[in-house]
Amino acid sequence: MPIEAVAGEAGFGTPLGLRQQFAAQLGTTPSHYRRTFREVSRPRPAQHPPQALTFPR
């Protein structure tokens, strides 16, 4: 979600207020925090190709 929407949903008056509080509490900006976890959550390529599933008939 854009920071404007998050700020509104969380009850902050402005996105600036959210950014300031976020930085004070977590020591980083919302965009840096998001980038960090976006990179971590990206799916990684499989080491081996998946095997086909077979089911008994």
N, C-alpha and C. Protein backbone atom coordinates (compact mmCIF):
# COMPACT_ATOMS: atom_id res chain seq x y z
N MET A 1 0.85 -1.19 0.00
CA MET A 1 0.00 0.00 0.00
C MET A 1 0.88 1.24 0.00
N PRO A 2 0.44 2.29 -0.63
CA PRO A 2 1.19 3.54 -0.57
C PRO A 2 1.20 4.10 0.86
N ILE A 3 2.23 4.84 1.19
CA ILE A 3 2.35 5.36 2.55
C ILE A 3 1.19 6.27 2.93
N GLU A 4 0.62 6.96 1.96
CA GLU A 4 -0.53 7.82 2.24
C GLU A 4 -1.69 7.00 2.77
N ALA A 5 -1.93 5.85 2.15
CA ALA A 5 -3.02 4.98 2.57
C ALA A 5 -2.73 4.37 3.94
N VAL A 6 -1.50 3.95 4.16
CA VAL A 6 -1.12 3.36 5.45
C VAL A 6 -1.27 4.40 6.55
N ALA A 7 -0.80 5.62 6.29
CA ALA A 7 -0.91 6.69 7.29
C ALA A 7 -2.37 6.94 7.66
N GLY A 8 -3.23 6.99 6.68
CA GLY A 8 -4.65 7.21 6.93
C GLY A 8 -5.27 6.07 7.73
N GLU A 9 -4.98 4.83 7.33
CA GLU A 9 -5.52 3.66 8.02
C GLU A 9 -5.02 3.57 9.46
N ALA A 10 -3.79 4.00 9.69
CA ALA A 10 -3.18 3.90 11.02
C ALA A 10 -3.53 5.08 11.93
N GLY A 11 -4.21 6.08 11.37
CA GLY A 11 -4.64 7.21 12.20
C GLY A 11 -3.67 8.36 12.27
N PHE A 12 -2.65 8.36 11.44
CA PHE A 12 -1.71 9.49 11.39
C PHE A 12 -2.34 10.59 10.55
N GLY A 13 -2.07 11.82 10.91
CA GLY A 13 -2.63 12.94 10.17
C GLY A 13 -2.05 13.07 8.77
N THR A 14 -0.77 12.78 8.66
CA THR A 14 -0.10 12.94 7.36
C THR A 14 0.92 11.82 7.18
N PRO A 15 1.33 11.57 5.94
CA PRO A 15 2.40 10.60 5.71
C PRO A 15 3.70 11.00 6.42
N LEU A 16 3.95 12.29 6.52
CA LEU A 16 5.15 12.76 7.21
C LEU A 16 5.14 12.31 8.67
N GLY A 17 3.99 12.41 9.32
CA GLY A 17 3.89 11.97 10.71
C GLY A 17 4.20 10.49 10.86
N LEU A 18 3.71 9.68 9.92
CA LEU A 18 4.00 8.25 9.95
C LEU A 18 5.48 8.01 9.73
N ARG A 19 6.08 8.68 8.75
CA ARG A 19 7.51 8.50 8.48
C ARG A 19 8.35 8.85 9.70
N GLN A 20 8.03 9.96 10.34
CA GLN A 20 8.79 10.39 11.51
C GLN A 20 8.66 9.39 12.65
N GLN A 21 7.46 8.93 12.91
CA GLN A 21 7.25 7.96 13.99
C GLN A 21 7.89 6.63 13.67
N PHE A 22 7.80 6.22 12.43
CA PHE A 22 8.41 4.97 11.98
C PHE A 22 9.92 5.01 12.20
N ALA A 23 10.55 6.11 11.77
CA ALA A 23 12.00 6.27 11.93
C ALA A 23 12.39 6.32 13.40
N ALA A 24 11.61 6.99 14.21
CA ALA A 24 11.92 7.08 15.64
C ALA A 24 11.83 5.72 16.31
N GLN A 25 10.85 4.91 15.94
CA GLN A 25 10.65 3.62 16.57
C GLN A 25 11.57 2.53 16.03
N LEU A 26 11.80 2.53 14.71
CA LEU A 26 12.53 1.43 14.09
C LEU A 26 13.92 1.81 13.58
N GLY A 27 14.22 3.09 13.57
CA GLY A 27 15.55 3.52 13.15
C GLY A 27 15.81 3.42 11.66
N THR A 28 14.76 3.36 10.86
CA THR A 28 14.90 3.30 9.41
C THR A 28 13.66 3.91 8.78
N THR A 29 13.73 4.17 7.50
CA THR A 29 12.57 4.73 6.80
C THR A 29 11.64 3.62 6.35
N PRO A 30 10.36 3.95 6.14
CA PRO A 30 9.44 2.92 5.63
C PRO A 30 9.89 2.33 4.29
N SER A 31 10.43 3.17 3.40
CA SER A 31 10.84 2.65 2.09
C SER A 31 12.02 1.70 2.21
N HIS A 32 12.98 2.02 3.08
CA HIS A 32 14.12 1.12 3.27
C HIS A 32 13.66 -0.20 3.90
N TYR A 33 12.77 -0.12 4.85
CA TYR A 33 12.21 -1.31 5.50
C TYR A 33 11.50 -2.19 4.47
N ARG A 34 10.70 -1.57 3.62
CA ARG A 34 9.96 -2.31 2.60
C ARG A 34 10.91 -2.98 1.61
N ARG A 35 11.93 -2.24 1.16
CA ARG A 35 12.90 -2.82 0.22
C ARG A 35 13.60 -4.03 0.84
N THR A 36 13.96 -3.93 2.10
CA THR A 36 14.64 -5.02 2.78
C THR A 36 13.80 -6.28 2.76
N PHE A 37 12.52 -6.17 3.10
CA PHE A 37 11.68 -7.35 3.17
C PHE A 37 11.15 -7.77 1.81
N ARG A 38 11.09 -6.89 0.86
CA ARG A 38 10.69 -7.29 -0.49
C ARG A 38 11.76 -8.20 -1.08
N GLU A 39 13.05 -7.85 -0.85
CA GLU A 39 14.14 -8.66 -1.37
C GLU A 39 14.18 -10.02 -0.68
N VAL A 40 13.89 -10.07 0.59
CA VAL A 40 13.91 -11.32 1.34
C VAL A 40 12.78 -12.23 0.91
N SER A 41 11.61 -11.67 0.61
CA SER A 41 10.44 -12.49 0.32
C SER A 41 10.32 -12.91 -1.14
N ARG A 42 11.20 -12.46 -1.99
CA ARG A 42 11.13 -12.88 -3.39
C ARG A 42 11.40 -14.37 -3.50
N PRO A 43 10.63 -15.05 -4.31
CA PRO A 43 10.89 -16.48 -4.48
C PRO A 43 12.24 -16.70 -5.14
N ARG A 44 12.94 -17.67 -4.66
CA ARG A 44 14.25 -17.99 -5.23
C ARG A 44 14.10 -19.16 -6.19
N PRO A 45 14.94 -19.19 -7.22
CA PRO A 45 14.84 -20.32 -8.16
C PRO A 45 15.14 -21.64 -7.46
N ALA A 46 14.44 -22.66 -7.87
CA ALA A 46 14.64 -23.98 -7.28
C ALA A 46 16.02 -24.50 -7.64
N GLN A 47 16.62 -25.23 -6.72
CA GLN A 47 17.92 -25.84 -6.97
C GLN A 47 17.80 -26.97 -7.99
N HIS A 48 16.71 -27.71 -7.89
CA HIS A 48 16.46 -28.83 -8.78
C HIS A 48 15.06 -28.65 -9.36
N PRO A 49 14.86 -29.03 -10.60
CA PRO A 49 13.51 -28.90 -11.15
C PRO A 49 12.53 -29.77 -10.37
N PRO A 50 11.32 -29.29 -10.17
CA PRO A 50 10.34 -30.09 -9.42
C PRO A 50 9.99 -31.36 -10.17
N GLN A 51 9.75 -32.42 -9.41
CA GLN A 51 9.37 -33.69 -10.01
C GLN A 51 7.87 -33.69 -10.22
N ALA A 52 7.45 -34.41 -11.24
CA ALA A 52 6.01 -34.52 -11.52
C ALA A 52 5.35 -35.33 -10.42
N LEU A 53 4.17 -34.92 -10.03
CA LEU A 53 3.40 -35.66 -9.04
C LEU A 53 2.63 -36.77 -9.72
N THR A 54 2.66 -37.95 -9.12
CA THR A 54 1.86 -39.05 -9.64
C THR A 54 0.95 -39.55 -8.54
N PHE A 55 -0.24 -39.89 -8.90
CA PHE A 55 -1.23 -40.36 -7.95
C PHE A 55 -1.67 -41.76 -8.34
N PRO A 56 -1.83 -42.64 -7.33
CA PRO A 56 -2.29 -44.00 -7.65
C PRO A 56 -3.71 -43.95 -8.19
N ARG A 57 -4.03 -44.89 -9.08
CA ARG A 57 -5.37 -44.94 -9.66
C ARG A 57 -6.20 -45.96 -8.98
